């Protein structure tokens, strides 16, 4: 049995630990910010809904799925862009999908993907 098998040489020499074995309590890593309110909102019950889109809807006052019924995705996008002009256009397909989900009970599973709603 070698000495290295009993006590790690790094412990004796005081070398820094291997990063793969470090705990997550220290270090300079930045913690990813989580939008807990958006994650727990009713809007996240829509399959494949993006958290950032849920946050946008909450910010314009839509907190429940039924509030999407009868709304236009384009008008919602305008309201969102009034708040944050830098909002990317891809979110429009998520809004369309959310409106479809709110207006159809039960919704067709093949329609619940944002890529279906990109060029509608």
Protein backbone atom coordinates (compact mmCIF):
# COMPACT_ATOMS: atom_id res chain seq x y z
CA UNK A 1 0.00 0.00 0.00
CA UNK A 2 1.39 3.36 -1.01
CA UNK A 3 1.38 6.51 1.07
CA UNK A 4 -0.85 8.21 -1.57
CA UNK A 5 -3.56 5.64 -0.87
CA UNK A 6 -3.87 6.71 2.75
CA UNK A 7 -3.53 10.52 2.66
CA UNK A 8 -3.93 12.49 -0.53
CA UNK A 9 -0.70 14.29 -1.40
CA UNK A 10 -2.68 17.51 -2.05
CA UNK A 11 -3.80 17.55 1.57
CA UNK A 12 -0.22 17.36 2.78
CA UNK A 13 1.21 19.94 0.40
CA UNK A 14 -1.69 22.39 0.60
CA UNK A 15 -2.35 22.47 -3.15
CA UNK A 16 -5.74 23.77 -4.31
CA UNK A 17 -8.47 21.18 -4.59
CA UNK A 18 -9.57 19.79 -7.90
CA UNK A 19 -12.59 21.86 -9.06
CA UNK A 20 -14.66 18.76 -9.75
CA UNK A 21 -14.55 17.92 -6.03
CA UNK A 22 -15.20 21.40 -4.69
CA UNK A 23 -18.44 22.12 -2.92
CA UNK A 24 -20.81 24.76 -4.20
CA UNK A 25 -20.55 27.00 -1.15
CA UNK A 26 -17.53 28.96 -2.28
CA UNK A 27 -15.83 30.11 -5.40
CA UNK A 28 -16.45 32.94 -7.81
CA UNK A 29 -19.20 31.24 -9.76
CA UNK A 30 -22.22 33.42 -10.23
CA UNK A 31 -25.52 31.83 -9.32
CA UNK A 32 -28.09 31.79 -12.08
CA UNK A 33 -31.00 34.05 -11.27
CA UNK A 34 -34.30 32.20 -11.15
CA UNK A 35 -37.61 33.97 -11.67
CA UNK A 36 -39.59 32.08 -9.06
CA UNK A 37 -42.78 34.09 -9.55
CA UNK A 38 -42.88 33.29 -13.26
CA UNK A 39 -41.98 29.64 -12.66
CA UNK A 40 -44.86 29.24 -10.20
CA UNK A 41 -47.41 31.15 -12.27
CA UNK A 42 -50.45 29.54 -13.88
CA UNK A 43 -49.03 30.46 -17.29
CA UNK A 44 -46.32 27.84 -16.85
CA UNK A 45 -49.04 25.16 -17.01
CA UNK A 46 -49.03 25.73 -20.77
CA UNK A 47 -46.81 22.98 -22.22
CA UNK A 48 -43.43 24.18 -23.54
CA UNK A 49 -43.99 27.74 -22.30
CA UNK A 50 -40.83 29.79 -21.91
CA UNK A 51 -40.26 31.33 -18.46
CA UNK A 52 -39.25 34.63 -20.05
CA UNK A 53 -42.58 34.81 -21.89
CA UNK A 54 -44.42 34.04 -18.65
CA UNK A 55 -42.50 36.91 -17.04
CA UNK A 56 -43.48 39.21 -19.92
CA UNK A 57 -47.15 38.30 -19.52
CA UNK A 58 -47.02 38.86 -15.75
CA UNK A 59 -45.42 42.24 -16.32
CA UNK A 60 -48.30 43.36 -18.55
CA UNK A 61 -50.88 42.14 -16.02
CA UNK A 62 -51.79 38.67 -17.34
CA UNK A 63 -51.50 36.12 -14.55
CA UNK A 64 -54.03 33.45 -15.50
CA UNK A 65 -54.43 31.36 -18.64
CA UNK A 66 -58.06 32.39 -19.17
CA UNK A 67 -56.92 36.02 -19.53
CA UNK A 68 -55.34 35.07 -22.88
CA UNK A 69 -58.71 34.12 -24.40
CA UNK A 70 -59.79 36.46 -27.18
CA UNK A 71 -56.50 38.36 -27.18
CA UNK A 72 -54.27 38.94 -30.17
CA UNK A 73 -50.67 37.78 -29.91
CA UNK A 74 -49.56 40.85 -31.85
CA UNK A 75 -51.31 43.25 -29.44
CA UNK A 76 -49.78 41.42 -26.46
CA UNK A 77 -46.37 41.70 -28.11
CA UNK A 78 -46.89 45.45 -28.58
CA UNK A 79 -47.68 45.83 -24.87
CA UNK A 80 -44.57 43.85 -23.97
CA UNK A 81 -42.42 45.91 -26.34
CA UNK A 82 -43.77 49.11 -24.78
CA UNK A 83 -42.31 47.91 -21.48
CA UNK A 84 -39.12 46.42 -22.92
CA UNK A 85 -38.33 47.44 -26.51
CA UNK A 86 -35.46 44.94 -26.72
CA UNK A 87 -37.83 41.94 -26.45
CA UNK A 88 -36.96 39.41 -29.19
CA UNK A 89 -39.53 38.55 -31.87
CA UNK A 90 -39.35 34.78 -31.26
CA UNK A 91 -41.60 35.24 -28.24
CA UNK A 92 -44.53 35.98 -30.54
CA UNK A 93 -44.83 32.26 -31.36
CA UNK A 94 -45.05 31.44 -27.64
CA UNK A 95 -47.82 34.00 -27.24
CA UNK A 96 -49.75 32.47 -30.15
CA UNK A 97 -49.33 29.01 -28.66
CA UNK A 98 -50.52 30.24 -25.25
CA UNK A 99 -53.62 31.84 -26.79
CA UNK A 100 -54.37 28.60 -28.66
CA UNK A 101 -54.04 26.65 -25.40
CA UNK A 102 -56.37 29.06 -23.57
CA UNK A 103 -59.05 29.00 -26.28
CA UNK A 104 -59.17 25.26 -27.00
CA UNK A 105 -60.27 22.66 -24.49
CA UNK A 106 -58.75 20.14 -24.96
CA UNK A 107 -55.98 21.47 -27.20
CA UNK A 108 -54.46 19.23 -29.86
CA UNK A 109 -51.06 17.98 -28.71
CA UNK A 110 -49.43 18.57 -32.10
CA UNK A 111 -50.30 22.28 -31.86
CA UNK A 112 -48.51 22.77 -28.54
CA UNK A 113 -45.07 23.58 -29.86
CA UNK A 114 -43.88 27.13 -30.53
CA UNK A 115 -42.28 26.20 -33.87
CA UNK A 116 -45.76 25.44 -35.26
CA UNK A 117 -46.76 29.06 -34.56
CA UNK A 118 -43.75 30.88 -36.02
CA UNK A 119 -45.13 31.75 -39.45
CA UNK A 120 -48.86 31.89 -38.76
